Amino acid sequence: MKNDPIVDEVRNNGLALAARYNNNIEAICKALKERERTSVRMVVNHAPRRLVPKARVECAEERTASVA
């Protein structure tokens, strides 16, 4: 499989970040939260939404069509 340079760069950045905090996930998260808090960029958080399987949508459409 051919290596993608963008994927390699993202992985290397992740490994460098982990090494900077001795692979301590709590320290990494704390640092990222602080960076997010002090950033001038707007951070958007969307509420999670439940996905409805396509089969259920089709069944619901069939039921409403048979009622009408």
Protein backbone atom coordinates (compact mmCIF):
# COMPACT_ATOMS: atom_id res chain seq x y z
CA MET A 1 0.00 0.00 0.00
CA LYS A 2 1.28 3.45 -0.91
CA ASN A 3 1.87 5.90 1.96
CA ASP A 4 -0.06 9.14 1.87
CA PRO A 5 2.13 12.11 2.84
CA ILE A 6 -0.78 13.92 4.50
CA VAL A 7 -1.65 10.90 6.65
CA ASP A 8 2.02 10.51 7.54
CA GLU A 9 2.22 14.18 8.58
CA VAL A 10 -0.90 13.90 10.77
CA ARG A 11 0.41 10.73 12.42
CA ASN A 12 3.82 12.28 13.03
CA ASN A 13 2.22 15.37 14.59
CA GLY A 14 0.15 13.13 16.87
CA LEU A 15 3.20 11.15 17.91
CA ALA A 16 5.16 14.35 18.57
CA LEU A 17 2.33 15.73 20.72
CA ALA A 18 2.11 12.47 22.68
CA ALA A 19 5.90 12.44 23.20
CA ARG A 20 5.83 16.04 24.43
CA TYR A 21 3.49 14.97 27.26
CA ASN A 22 5.12 11.57 27.91
CA ASN A 23 2.12 9.76 26.38
CA ASN A 24 -0.04 10.96 29.30
CA ILE A 25 -3.55 11.28 27.87
CA GLU A 26 -4.73 13.49 30.74
CA ALA A 27 -1.87 15.95 30.17
CA ILE A 28 -2.50 15.93 26.41
CA CYS A 29 -6.21 16.65 26.87
CA LYS A 30 -5.50 19.39 29.41
CA ALA A 31 -3.05 21.06 27.02
CA LEU A 32 -5.47 20.83 24.10
CA LYS A 33 -8.32 22.27 26.18
CA GLU A 34 -6.09 25.17 27.21
CA ARG A 35 -5.08 25.76 23.60
CA GLU A 36 -8.74 25.69 22.59
CA ARG A 37 -9.63 28.16 25.37
CA THR A 38 -6.93 30.67 24.41
CA SER A 39 -7.38 30.38 20.65
CA VAL A 40 -8.78 33.29 18.66
CA ARG A 41 -10.63 30.84 16.43
CA MET A 42 -14.26 30.03 17.12
CA VAL A 43 -14.85 26.51 18.41
CA VAL A 44 -18.16 24.95 17.42
CA ASN A 45 -19.70 22.04 19.30
CA HIS A 46 -22.73 20.40 17.76
CA ALA A 47 -25.07 18.36 19.90
CA PRO A 48 -24.99 14.68 18.96
CA ARG A 49 -27.99 13.37 17.08
CA ARG A 50 -29.25 9.85 16.72
CA LEU A 51 -29.11 8.41 13.22
CA VAL A 52 -32.19 6.61 11.99
CA PRO A 53 -31.48 3.50 9.90
CA LYS A 54 -32.73 3.85 6.33
CA ALA A 55 -34.98 0.78 6.65
CA ARG A 56 -36.96 2.46 9.44
CA VAL A 57 -37.41 5.62 7.39
CA GLU A 58 -38.75 3.59 4.47
CA CYS A 59 -41.15 1.70 6.77
CA ALA A 60 -42.40 4.97 8.26
CA GLU A 61 -42.98 6.38 4.77
CA GLU A 62 -44.91 3.26 3.76
CA ARG A 63 -47.10 3.49 6.88
CA THR A 64 -47.95 7.14 6.28
CA ALA A 65 -48.70 6.41 2.61
CA SER A 66 -51.08 3.55 3.50
CA VAL A 67 -52.92 5.72 6.04
CA ALA A 68 -53.58 8.52 3.54
